[in-house]
């Protein structure tokens, strides 16, 4: 009786037309949360300023760029810079080289890293732990340290100044092996043993059972590989010795080194170079976060 009276009194005290709801799971927004949001938005806007300037500058003419910040927006919006860069300076061939190198290197990376990770995760052999530790240790070795030995190996194979010289050396990555190996550890050994009892071969188990289960981790490694290969500059700069083998980052750097630099065309091709990475991440960001969370990376 007392509870019913309290409920009726609470209903009577509410103003008509303005119902209120209270839930035990509601969280009050404190001043600290608001300050945190303001700081994050501020830094996000600061990070976007160069990208916005790059995008707007890619539509400007050379005199407009020379005017500096006095003209933020272009006087006329046109794609002349993009079409001229793709036809006048053979940026189309550089773009094609980047696509070929990125796609081929990513496919090769997925194949090599997945097989190495499967061996380290599901096979027991002497020296397995030591081999895995050595593989992880190579993550701490920068490219500049092993640049000369790798170049000598590539030169001895006759792959200098060729697209294969850009694709093959970076096929096996310790980061990719680690991500895939951590994910494969979550696959039950009983599932693989059952497939062996049913007469499935090792390659069939790997291709038909392990790889489909590891799709989130494979998506993470694929996206990371695309980012690394597409933005790679130092190794293509050394191996590519003729313009027919230049990738897009190398071509942009070569044009910046000239005395007369067409900055409007450089900005247009810079937008083209970052656009695939942005689109790729926007489409696969859920797979990236899911794969990283499932592999236990922090």
C-alpha atoms as a PDB file:
ATOM      1  CA  UNK A   1       0.000   0.000   0.000  1.00  0.00           C
ATOM      2  CA  UNK A   2       2.772   2.402   0.825  1.00  0.00           C
ATOM      3  CA  UNK A   3       4.569   1.635  -2.442  1.00  0.00           C
ATOM      4  CA  UNK A   4       1.419   2.255  -4.525  1.00  0.00           C
ATOM      5  CA  UNK A   5       0.849   5.578  -2.785  1.00  0.00           C
ATOM      6  CA  UNK A   6       4.427   6.670  -3.482  1.00  0.00           C
ATOM      7  CA  UNK A   7       4.076   5.785  -7.153  1.00  0.00           C
ATOM      8  CA  UNK A   8       0.803   7.750  -7.437  1.00  0.00           C
ATOM      9  CA  UNK A   9       2.348  10.767  -5.762  1.00  0.00           C
ATOM     10  CA  UNK A  10       5.343  10.657  -8.113  1.00  0.00           C
ATOM     11  CA  UNK A  11       3.013  10.538 -11.126  1.00  0.00           C
ATOM     12  CA  UNK A  12       0.882  13.418  -9.814  1.00  0.00           C
ATOM     13  CA  UNK A  13       3.897  15.645  -9.224  1.00  0.00           C
ATOM     14  CA  UNK A  14       5.036  15.364 -12.868  1.00  0.00           C
ATOM     15  CA  UNK A  15       3.982  18.181 -15.142  1.00  0.00           C
ATOM     16  CA  UNK A  16       1.658  17.156 -17.957  1.00  0.00           C
ATOM     17  CA  UNK A  17       3.279  16.891 -21.362  1.00  0.00           C
ATOM     18  CA  UNK A  18       6.796  16.604 -19.930  1.00  0.00           C
ATOM     19  CA  UNK A  19       7.390  12.987 -18.888  1.00  0.00           C
ATOM     20  CA  UNK A  20      10.658  12.089 -17.273  1.00  0.00           C
ATOM     21  CA  UNK A  21      12.512   8.809 -17.312  1.00  0.00           C
ATOM     22  CA  UNK A  22      15.269   7.636 -15.036  1.00  0.00           C
ATOM     23  CA  UNK A  23      17.270   4.466 -15.527  1.00  0.00           C
ATOM     24  CA  UNK A  24      19.828   2.899 -13.297  1.00  0.00           C
ATOM     25  CA  UNK A  25      22.193   2.374 -16.262  1.00  0.00           C
ATOM     26  CA  UNK A  26      22.242   6.042 -17.317  1.00  0.00           C
ATOM     27  CA  UNK A  27      25.592   7.774 -17.027  1.00  0.00           C
ATOM     28  CA  UNK A  28      25.944  11.440 -16.220  1.00  0.00           C
ATOM     29  CA  UNK A  29      28.243  13.442 -18.455  1.00  0.00           C
ATOM     30  CA  UNK A  30      30.821  15.085 -16.243  1.00  0.00           C
ATOM     31  CA  UNK A  31      32.979  18.109 -16.957  1.00  0.00           C
ATOM     32  CA  UNK A  32      35.975  15.796 -17.402  1.00  0.00           C
ATOM     33  CA  UNK A  33      34.189  13.884 -20.186  1.00  0.00           C
ATOM     34  CA  UNK A  34      33.234  17.119 -21.925  1.00  0.00           C
ATOM     35  CA  UNK A  35      36.819  18.410 -21.694  1.00  0.00           C
ATOM     36  CA  UNK A  36      38.122  15.136 -23.092  1.00  0.00           C
ATOM     37  CA  UNK A  37      35.744  15.354 -26.065  1.00  0.00           C
ATOM     38  CA  UNK A  38      36.753  18.972 -26.750  1.00  0.00           C
ATOM     39  CA  UNK A  39      40.453  18.056 -26.681  1.00  0.00           C
ATOM     40  CA  UNK A  40      39.947  15.079 -29.018  1.00  0.00           C
ATOM     41  CA  UNK A  41      37.921  17.158 -31.482  1.00  0.00           C
ATOM     42  CA  UNK A  42      40.562  19.921 -31.403  1.00  0.00           C
ATOM     43  CA  UNK A  43      43.413  17.543 -32.188  1.00  0.00           C
ATOM     44  CA  UNK A  44      41.335  15.831 -34.888  1.00  0.00           C
ATOM     45  CA  UNK A  45      40.714  19.188 -36.581  1.00  0.00           C
ATOM     46  CA  UNK A  46      44.415  20.068 -36.330  1.00  0.00           C
ATOM     47  CA  UNK A  47      45.286  16.749 -37.987  1.00  0.00           C
ATOM     48  CA  UNK A  48      42.783  17.367 -40.787  1.00  0.00           C
ATOM     49  CA  UNK A  49      44.049  20.878 -41.648  1.00  0.00           C
ATOM     50  CA  UNK A  50      46.968  19.692 -43.870  1.00  0.00           C
ATOM     51  CA  UNK A  51      44.723  17.159 -45.621  1.00  0.00           C
ATOM     52  CA  UNK A  52      42.057  19.783 -46.336  1.00  0.00           C
ATOM     53  CA  UNK A  53      44.723  22.185 -47.634  1.00  0.00           C
ATOM     54  CA  UNK A  54      46.133  19.418 -49.843  1.00  0.00           C
ATOM     55  CA  UNK A  55      42.707  18.601 -51.251  1.00  0.00           C
ATOM     56  CA  UNK A  56      41.832  22.249 -51.975  1.00  0.00           C
ATOM     57  CA  UNK A  57      45.281  22.944 -53.401  1.00  0.00           C
ATOM     58  CA  UNK A  58      44.974  20.089 -55.872  1.00  0.00           C
ATOM     59  CA  UNK A  59      42.274  22.086 -57.689  1.00  0.00           C
ATOM     60  CA  UNK A  60      44.254  25.339 -57.849  1.00  0.00           C
ATOM     61  CA  UNK A  61      46.429  26.638 -60.647  1.00  0.00           C
ATOM     62  CA  UNK A  62      50.118  27.436 -60.261  1.00  0.00           C
ATOM     63  CA  UNK A  63      49.545  31.229 -59.801  1.00  0.00           C
ATOM     64  CA  UNK A  64      46.910  30.568 -57.137  1.00  0.00           C
ATOM     65  CA  UNK A  65      49.331  28.368 -55.219  1.00  0.00           C
ATOM     66  CA  UNK A  66      51.987  31.069 -55.485  1.00  0.00           C
ATOM     67  CA  UNK A  67      49.559  33.502 -53.857  1.00  0.00           C
ATOM     68  CA  UNK A  68      49.828  31.471 -50.657  1.00  0.00           C
ATOM     69  CA  UNK A  69      47.133  31.342 -48.007  1.00  0.00           C
ATOM     70  CA  UNK A  70      45.367  34.453 -49.314  1.00  0.00           C
ATOM     71  CA  UNK A  71      43.175  32.193 -51.468  1.00  0.00           C
ATOM     72  CA  UNK A  72      42.025  29.162 -49.533  1.00  0.00           C
ATOM     73  CA  UNK A  73      39.466  27.941 -52.063  1.00  0.00           C
ATOM     74  CA  UNK A  74      40.264  27.654 -55.792  1.00  0.00           C
ATOM     75  CA  UNK A  75      38.746  30.253 -58.091  1.00  0.00           C
ATOM     76  CA  UNK A  76      37.355  27.532 -60.368  1.00  0.00           C
ATOM     77  CA  UNK A  77      36.829  23.852 -59.581  1.00  0.00           C
ATOM     78  CA  UNK A  78      38.173  21.597 -62.317  1.00  0.00           C
ATOM     79  CA  UNK A  79      40.059  18.338 -62.698  1.00  0.00           C
ATOM     80  CA  UNK A  80      42.629  19.805 -65.093  1.00  0.00           C
ATOM     81  CA  UNK A  81      45.517  19.123 -62.718  1.00  0.00           C
ATOM     82  CA  UNK A  82      44.579  15.458 -62.444  1.00  0.00           C
ATOM     83  CA  UNK A  83      44.167  14.874 -66.160  1.00  0.00           C
ATOM     84  CA  UNK A  84      47.320  16.793 -67.043  1.00  0.00           C
ATOM     85  CA  UNK A  85      49.412  14.924 -64.466  1.00  0.00           C
ATOM     86  CA  UNK A  86      48.222  11.549 -65.722  1.00  0.00           C
ATOM     87  CA  UNK A  87      48.999  12.370 -69.364  1.00  0.00           C
ATOM     88  CA  UNK A  88      51.823  14.895 -69.402  1.00  0.00           C
ATOM     89  CA  UNK A  89      54.229  13.344 -66.877  1.00  0.00           C
ATOM     90  CA  UNK A  90      53.280   9.652 -67.180  1.00  0.00           C
ATOM     91  CA  UNK A  91      51.875   9.517 -63.692  1.00  0.00           C
ATOM     92  CA  UNK A  92      49.497   6.881 -65.002  1.00  0.00           C
ATOM     93  CA  UNK A  93      52.373   4.411 -65.439  1.00  0.00           C
ATOM     94  CA  UNK A  94      53.712   5.236 -61.969  1.00  0.00           C
ATOM     95  CA  UNK A  95      50.252   4.650 -60.537  1.00  0.00           C
ATOM     96  CA  UNK A  96      50.009   1.324 -62.369  1.00  0.00           C
ATOM     97  CA  UNK A  97      53.396   0.256 -60.996  1.00  0.00           C
ATOM     98  CA  UNK A  98      52.234   1.049 -57.459  1.00  0.00           C
ATOM     99  CA  UNK A  99      49.056  -0.968 -57.950  1.00  0.00           C
ATOM    100  CA  UNK A 100      50.929  -3.974 -59.364  1.00  0.00           C
ATOM    101  CA  UNK A 101      53.574  -3.934 -56.625  1.00  0.00           C
ATOM    102  CA  UNK A 102      51.023  -3.475 -53.843  1.00  0.00           C
ATOM    103  CA  UNK A 103      48.626  -6.196 -55.008  1.00  0.00           C
ATOM    104  CA  UNK A 104      51.317  -8.760 -55.840  1.00  0.00           C
ATOM    105  CA  UNK A 105      53.277  -8.109 -52.639  1.00  0.00           C
ATOM    106  CA  UNK A 106      50.121  -8.350 -50.522  1.00  0.00           C
ATOM    107  CA  UNK A 107      49.074 -11.680 -52.054  1.00  0.00           C
ATOM    108  CA  UNK A 108      52.589 -13.058 -51.603  1.00  0.00           C
ATOM    109  CA  UNK A 109      52.740 -11.742 -48.034  1.00  0.00           C
ATOM    110  CA  UNK A 110      49.465 -13.416 -47.103  1.00  0.00           C
ATOM    111  CA  UNK A 111      50.617 -16.745 -48.554  1.00  0.00           C
ATOM    112  CA  UNK A 112      54.064 -16.770 -46.924  1.00  0.00           C
ATOM    113  CA  UNK A 113      53.019 -15.346 -43.561  1.00  0.00           C
ATOM    114  CA  UNK A 114      49.996 -17.638 -43.174  1.00  0.00           C
ATOM    115  CA  UNK A 115      52.051 -20.765 -43.864  1.00  0.00           C
ATOM    116  CA  UNK A 116      54.797 -19.665 -41.467  1.00  0.00           C
ATOM    117  CA  UNK A 117      52.242 -18.803 -38.790  1.00  0.00           C
ATOM    118  CA  UNK A 118      50.486 -22.154 -39.219  1.00  0.00           C
ATOM    119  CA  UNK A 119      53.743 -24.012 -38.711  1.00  0.00           C
ATOM    120  CA  UNK A 120      54.582 -22.032 -35.577  1.00  0.00           C
ATOM    121  CA  UNK A 121      51.081 -22.366 -34.141  1.00  0.00           C
ATOM    122  CA  UNK A 122      50.060 -25.969 -34.854  1.00  0.00           C
ATOM    123  CA  UNK A 123      53.250 -28.009 -35.308  1.00  0.00           C
ATOM    124  CA  UNK A 124      55.553 -29.205 -32.536  1.00  0.00           C
ATOM    125  CA  UNK A 125      59.222 -29.423 -33.467  1.00  0.00           C
ATOM    126  CA  UNK A 126      62.560 -28.804 -31.817  1.00  0.00           C
ATOM    127  CA  UNK A 127      63.535 -25.145 -31.701  1.00  0.00           C
ATOM    128  CA  UNK A 128      59.989 -23.889 -32.302  1.00  0.00           C
ATOM    129  CA  UNK A 129      60.041 -21.379 -29.426  1.00  0.00           C
ATOM    130  CA  UNK A 130      63.509 -20.143 -30.333  1.00  0.00           C
ATOM    131  CA  UNK A 131      62.483 -19.659 -33.971  1.00  0.00           C
ATOM    132  CA  UNK A 132      59.420 -17.689 -32.911  1.00  0.00           C
ATOM    133  CA  UNK A 133      61.498 -15.471 -30.614  1.00  0.00           C
ATOM    134  CA  UNK A 134      63.975 -14.787 -33.425  1.00  0.00           C
ATOM    135  CA  UNK A 135      61.086 -13.914 -35.726  1.00  0.00           C
ATOM    136  CA  UNK A 136      59.729 -11.422 -33.185  1.00  0.00           C
ATOM    137  CA  UNK A 137      63.198  -9.975 -32.623  1.00  0.00           C
ATOM    138  CA  UNK A 138      63.463  -8.999 -36.283  1.00  0.00           C
ATOM    139  CA  UNK A 139      60.629  -6.515 -35.716  1.00  0.00           C
ATOM    140  CA  UNK A 140      63.088  -4.343 -33.774  1.00  0.00           C
ATOM    141  CA  UNK A 141      65.618  -4.281 -36.632  1.00  0.00           C
ATOM    142  CA  UNK A 142      65.092  -1.204 -38.851  1.00  0.00           C
ATOM    143  CA  UNK A 143      65.277  -1.495 -42.602  1.00  0.00           C
ATOM    144  CA  UNK A 144      68.349   0.737 -42.785  1.00  0.00           C
ATOM    145  CA  UNK A 145      70.420  -1.863 -40.912  1.00  0.00           C
ATOM    146  CA  UNK A 146      69.768  -4.686 -43.401  1.00  0.00           C
ATOM    147  CA  UNK A 147      69.431  -2.497 -46.477  1.00  0.00           C
ATOM    148  CA  UNK A 148      72.852  -3.282 -47.988  1.00  0.00           C
ATOM    149  CA  UNK A 149      72.686  -7.101 -47.458  1.00  0.00           C
ATOM    150  CA  UNK A 150      69.177  -7.258 -48.909  1.00  0.00           C
ATOM    151  CA  UNK A 151      70.246  -5.157 -51.888  1.00  0.00           C
ATOM    152  CA  UNK A 152      73.220  -7.471 -52.526  1.00  0.00           C
ATOM    153  CA  UNK A 153      70.920 -10.496 -52.489  1.00  0.00           C
ATOM    154  CA  UNK A 154      68.502  -8.805 -54.892  1.00  0.00           C
ATOM    155  CA  UNK A 155      71.375  -7.754 -57.156  1.00  0.00           C
ATOM    156  CA  UNK A 156      72.816 -11.293 -57.221  1.00  0.00           C
ATOM    157  CA  UNK A 157      69.406 -12.560 -58.368  1.00  0.00           C
ATOM    158  CA  UNK A 158      69.247  -9.962 -61.138  1.00  0.00           C
ATOM    159  CA  UNK A 159      66.126  -8.286 -59.739  1.00  0.00           C
ATOM    160  CA  UNK A 160      67.465  -4.732 -59.545  1.00  0.00           C
ATOM    161  CA  UNK A 161      65.457  -2.225 -61.601  1.00  0.00           C
ATOM    162  CA  UNK A 162      62.474  -4.575 -61.872  1.00  0.00           C
ATOM    163  CA  UNK A 163      59.093  -4.822 -60.234  1.00  0.00           C
ATOM    164  CA  UNK A 164      59.978  -8.233 -58.802  1.00  0.00           C
ATOM    165  CA  UNK A 165      62.792  -6.573 -56.896  1.00  0.00           C
ATOM    166  CA  UNK A 166      60.147  -4.443 -55.179  1.00  0.00           C
ATOM    167  CA  UNK A 167      57.747  -7.328 -54.544  1.00  0.00           C
ATOM    168  CA  UNK A 168      59.768 -10.330 -53.339  1.00  0.00           C
ATOM    169  CA  UNK A 169      62.081  -8.939 -50.573  1.00  0.00           C
ATOM    170  CA  UNK A 170      59.173  -7.793 -48.381  1.00  0.00           C
ATOM    171  CA  UNK A 171      57.119 -10.982 -48.781  1.00  0.00           C
ATOM    172  CA  UNK A 172      57.676 -12.310 -45.250  1.00  0.00           C
ATOM    173  CA  UNK A 173      56.955  -9.818 -42.479  1.00  0.00           C
ATOM    174  CA  UNK A 174      57.425 -10.687 -38.785  1.00  0.00           C
ATOM    175  CA  UNK A 175      54.425  -8.556 -37.837  1.00  0.00           C
ATOM    176  CA  UNK A 176      52.153 -10.524 -40.156  1.00  0.00           C
ATOM    177  CA  UNK A 177      53.515 -13.847 -38.882  1.00  0.00           C
ATOM    178  CA  UNK A 178      52.900 -12.763 -35.293  1.00  0.00           C
ATOM    179  CA  UNK A 179      49.312 -11.596 -35.919  1.00  0.00           C
ATOM    180  CA  UNK A 180      48.347 -14.752 -37.794  1.00  0.00           C
ATOM    181  CA  UNK A 181      50.112 -17.060 -35.352  1.00  0.00           C
ATOM    182  CA  UNK A 182      48.315 -15.516 -32.372  1.00  0.00           C
ATOM    183  CA  UNK A 183      44.980 -15.937 -34.121  1.00  0.00           C
ATOM    184  CA  UNK A 184      45.683 -19.534 -35.152  1.00  0.00           C
ATOM    185  CA  UNK A 185      46.413 -20.475 -31.555  1.00  0.00           C
ATOM    186  CA  UNK A 186      42.698 -19.983 -30.849  1.00  0.00           C
ATOM    187  CA  UNK A 187      41.767 -22.723 -33.378  1.00  0.00           C
ATOM    188  CA  UNK A 188      41.083 -25.988 -31.471  1.00  0.00           C
ATOM    189  CA  UNK A 189      43.630 -28.704 -32.129  1.00  0.00           C
ATOM    190  CA  UNK A 190      40.799 -31.243 -32.014  1.00  0.00           C
ATOM    191  CA  UNK A 191      39.344 -29.728 -35.193  1.00  0.00           C
ATOM    192  CA  UNK A 192      42.588 -30.289 -37.097  1.00  0.00           C
ATOM    193  CA  UNK A 193      42.997 -33.800 -35.659  1.00  0.00           C
ATOM    194  CA  UNK A 194      39.457 -34.699 -36.722  1.00  0.00           C
ATOM    195  CA  UNK A 195      40.202 -33.559 -40.252  1.00  0.00           C
ATOM    196  CA  UNK A 196      43.345 -35.710 -40.302  1.00  0.00           C
ATOM    197  CA  UNK A 197      41.394 -38.736 -39.083  1.00  0.00           C
ATOM    198  CA  UNK A 198      38.899 -38.178 -41.912  1.00  0.00           C
ATOM    199  CA  UNK A 199      41.788 -38.428 -44.379  1.00  0.00           C
ATOM    200  CA  UNK A 200      42.337 -34.757 -45.228  1.00  0.00           C
ATOM    201  CA  UNK A 201      45.869 -33.803 -46.202  1.00  0.00           C
ATOM    202  CA  UNK A 202      47.844 -31.033 -44.545  1.00  0.00           C
ATOM    203  CA  UNK A 203      47.422 -28.586 -47.407  1.00  0.00           C
ATOM    204  CA  UNK A 204      43.687 -29.257 -47.575  1.00  0.00           C
ATOM    205  CA  UNK A 205      43.372 -28.678 -43.829  1.00  0.00           C
ATOM    206  CA  UNK A 206      45.295 -25.448 -44.168  1.00  0.00           C
ATOM    207  CA  UNK A 207      43.340 -24.168 -47.183  1.00  0.00           C
ATOM    208  CA  UNK A 208      39.839 -25.421 -46.332  1.00  0.00           C
ATOM    209  CA  UNK A 209      39.732 -25.139 -42.541  1.00  0.00           C
ATOM    210  CA  UNK A 210      42.428 -22.841 -41.165  1.00  0.00           C
ATOM    211  CA  UNK A 211      42.349 -20.020 -43.702  1.00  0.00           C
ATOM    212  CA  UNK A 212      38.531 -19.532 -43.649  1.00  0.00           C
ATOM    213  CA  UNK A 213      38.613 -19.325 -39.848  1.00  0.00           C
ATOM    214  CA  UNK A 214      41.450 -16.784 -39.970  1.00  0.00           C
ATOM    215  CA  UNK A 215      39.681 -14.329 -42.286  1.00  0.00           C
ATOM    216  CA  UNK A 216      39.637 -11.462 -39.711  1.00  0.00           C
ATOM    217  CA  UNK A 217      43.373 -11.802 -39.086  1.00  0.00           C
ATOM    218  CA  UNK A 218      44.061 -12.128 -42.805  1.00  0.00           C
ATOM    219  CA  UNK A 219      42.116  -8.916 -43.380  1.00  0.00           C
ATOM    220  CA  UNK A 220      44.298  -7.106 -40.835  1.00  0.00           C
ATOM    221  CA  UNK A 221      47.527  -8.356 -42.411  1.00  0.00           C
ATOM    222  CA  UNK A 222      46.242  -7.526 -45.904  1.00  0.00           C
ATOM    223  CA  UNK A 223      45.352  -3.945 -44.990  1.00  0.00           C
ATOM    224  CA  UNK A 224      48.646  -3.401 -43.174  1.00  0.00           C
ATOM    225  CA  UNK A 225      50.527  -4.837 -46.140  1.00  0.00           C
ATOM    226  CA  UNK A 226      48.687  -2.560 -48.575  1.00  0.00           C
ATOM    227  CA  UNK A 227      49.546   0.467 -46.455  1.00  0.00           C
ATOM    228  CA  UNK A 228      53.207  -0.498 -46.182  1.00  0.00           C
ATOM    229  CA  UNK A 229      53.665  -1.347 -49.855  1.00  0.00           C
ATOM    230  CA  UNK A 230      51.706   1.604 -51.198  1.00  0.00           C
ATOM    231  CA  UNK A 231      53.559   4.172 -49.052  1.00  0.00           C
ATOM    232  CA  UNK A 232      56.985   2.525 -49.251  1.00  0.00           C
ATOM    233  CA  UNK A 233      59.621   4.957 -50.457  1.00  0.00           C
ATOM    234  CA  UNK A 234      63.149   4.009 -49.375  1.00  0.00           C
ATOM    235  CA  UNK A 235      63.377   0.537 -50.923  1.00  0.00           C
ATOM    236  CA  UNK A 236      61.759   1.484 -54.276  1.00  0.00           C
ATOM    237  CA  UNK A 237      64.031   4.532 -54.406  1.00  0.00           C
ATOM    238  CA  UNK A 238      67.095   2.262 -54.297  1.00  0.00           C
ATOM    239  CA  UNK A 239      65.910  -0.603 -56.486  1.00  0.00           C
ATOM    240  CA  UNK A 240      64.022   1.371 -59.143  1.00  0.00           C
ATOM    241  CA  UNK A 241      66.729   2.965 -61.290  1.00  0.00           C
ATOM    242  CA  UNK A 242      64.661   3.913 -64.342  1.00  0.00           C
ATOM    243  CA  UNK A 243      61.396   5.773 -64.734  1.00  0.00           C
ATOM    244  CA  UNK A 244      59.632   2.730 -66.132  1.00  0.00           C
ATOM    245  CA  UNK A 245      59.868   1.071 -62.691  1.00  0.00           C
ATOM    246  CA  UNK A 246      59.084   4.119 -60.527  1.00  0.00           C
ATOM    247  CA  UNK A 247      56.246   3.837 -58.057  1.00  0.00           C
ATOM    248  CA  UNK A 248      54.099   6.837 -57.187  1.00  0.00           C
ATOM    249  CA  UNK A 249      56.000   7.948 -54.023  1.00  0.00           C
ATOM    250  CA  UNK A 250      59.340   7.771 -55.864  1.00  0.00           C
ATOM    251  CA  UNK A 251      57.968   9.707 -58.834  1.00  0.00           C
ATOM    252  CA  UNK A 252      56.596  12.441 -56.556  1.00  0.00           C
ATOM    253  CA  UNK A 253      59.953  12.747 -54.822  1.00  0.00           C
ATOM    254  CA  UNK A 254      61.800  12.932 -58.146  1.00  0.00           C
ATOM    255  CA  UNK A 255      59.576  15.753 -59.354  1.00  0.00           C
ATOM    256  CA  UNK A 256      60.060  17.656 -56.092  1.00  0.00           C
ATOM    257  CA  UNK A 257      63.817  17.560 -56.688  1.00  0.00           C
ATOM    258  CA  UNK A 258      63.578  19.377 -60.010  1.00  0.00           C
ATOM    259  CA  UNK A 259      64.263  23.080 -60.382  1.00  0.00           C
ATOM    260  CA  UNK A 260      60.850  23.890 -61.849  1.00  0.00           C
ATOM    261  CA  UNK A 261      58.307  21.986 -59.796  1.00  0.00           C
ATOM    262  CA  UNK A 262      54.675  21.881 -60.991  1.00  0.00           C
ATOM    263  CA  UNK A 263      53.232  22.050 -57.494  1.00  0.00           C
ATOM    264  CA  UNK A 264      49.650  21.965 -58.712  1.00  0.00           C
ATOM    265  CA  UNK A 265      50.267  18.607 -60.403  1.00  0.00           C
ATOM    266  CA  UNK A 266      52.237  17.311 -57.431  1.00  0.00           C
ATOM    267  CA  UNK A 267      49.338  18.106 -55.111  1.00  0.00           C
ATOM    268  CA  UNK A 268      46.868  16.389 -57.439  1.00  0.00           C
ATOM    269  CA  UNK A 269      48.955  13.216 -57.542  1.00  0.00           C
ATOM    270  CA  UNK A 270      49.457  13.373 -53.772  1.00  0.00           C
ATOM    271  CA  UNK A 271      45.674  13.229 -53.373  1.00  0.00           C
ATOM    272  CA  UNK A 272      45.590  10.239 -55.719  1.00  0.00           C
ATOM    273  CA  UNK A 273      48.297   8.528 -53.667  1.00  0.00           C
ATOM    274  CA  UNK A 274      46.463   8.826 -50.335  1.00  0.00           C
ATOM    275  CA  UNK A 275      42.940   8.217 -51.637  1.00  0.00           C
ATOM    276  CA  UNK A 276      43.155   4.383 -51.958  1.00  0.00           C
ATOM    277  CA  UNK A 277      44.434   4.000 -48.395  1.00  0.00           C
ATOM    278  CA  UNK A 278      41.673   6.192 -46.979  1.00  0.00           C
ATOM    279  CA  UNK A 279      38.952   4.379 -48.930  1.00  0.00           C
ATOM    280  CA  UNK A 280      40.373   0.984 -47.980  1.00  0.00           C
ATOM    281  CA  UNK A 281      40.390   1.815 -44.291  1.00  0.00           C
ATOM    282  CA  UNK A 282      36.881   3.275 -44.369  1.00  0.00           C
ATOM    283  CA  UNK A 283      35.513   0.082 -45.916  1.00  0.00           C
ATOM    284  CA  UNK A 284      37.447  -2.385 -43.746  1.00  0.00           C
ATOM    285  CA  UNK A 285      37.874  -0.570 -40.429  1.00  0.00           C
ATOM    286  CA  UNK A 286      35.529  -3.027 -38.686  1.00  0.00           C
ATOM    287  CA  UNK A 287      37.594  -5.987 -39.884  1.00  0.00           C
ATOM    288  CA  UNK A 288      40.772  -4.251 -38.732  1.00  0.00           C
ATOM    289  CA  UNK A 289      39.501  -3.578 -35.216  1.00  0.00           C
ATOM    290  CA  UNK A 290      37.955  -7.054 -34.910  1.00  0.00           C
ATOM    291  CA  UNK A 291      41.088  -8.803 -36.128  1.00  0.00           C
ATOM    292  CA  UNK A 292      43.398  -6.817 -33.860  1.00  0.00           C
ATOM    293  CA  UNK A 293      41.129  -7.443 -30.861  1.00  0.00           C
ATOM    294  CA  UNK A 294      40.996 -11.181 -31.544  1.00  0.00           C
ATOM    295  CA  UNK A 295      44.768 -11.476 -31.914  1.00  0.00           C
ATOM    296  CA  UNK A 296      45.310  -9.895 -28.512  1.00  0.00           C
ATOM    297  CA  UNK A 297      47.342  -6.916 -29.733  1.00  0.00           C
ATOM    298  CA  UNK A 298      47.434  -3.854 -27.490  1.00  0.00           C
END
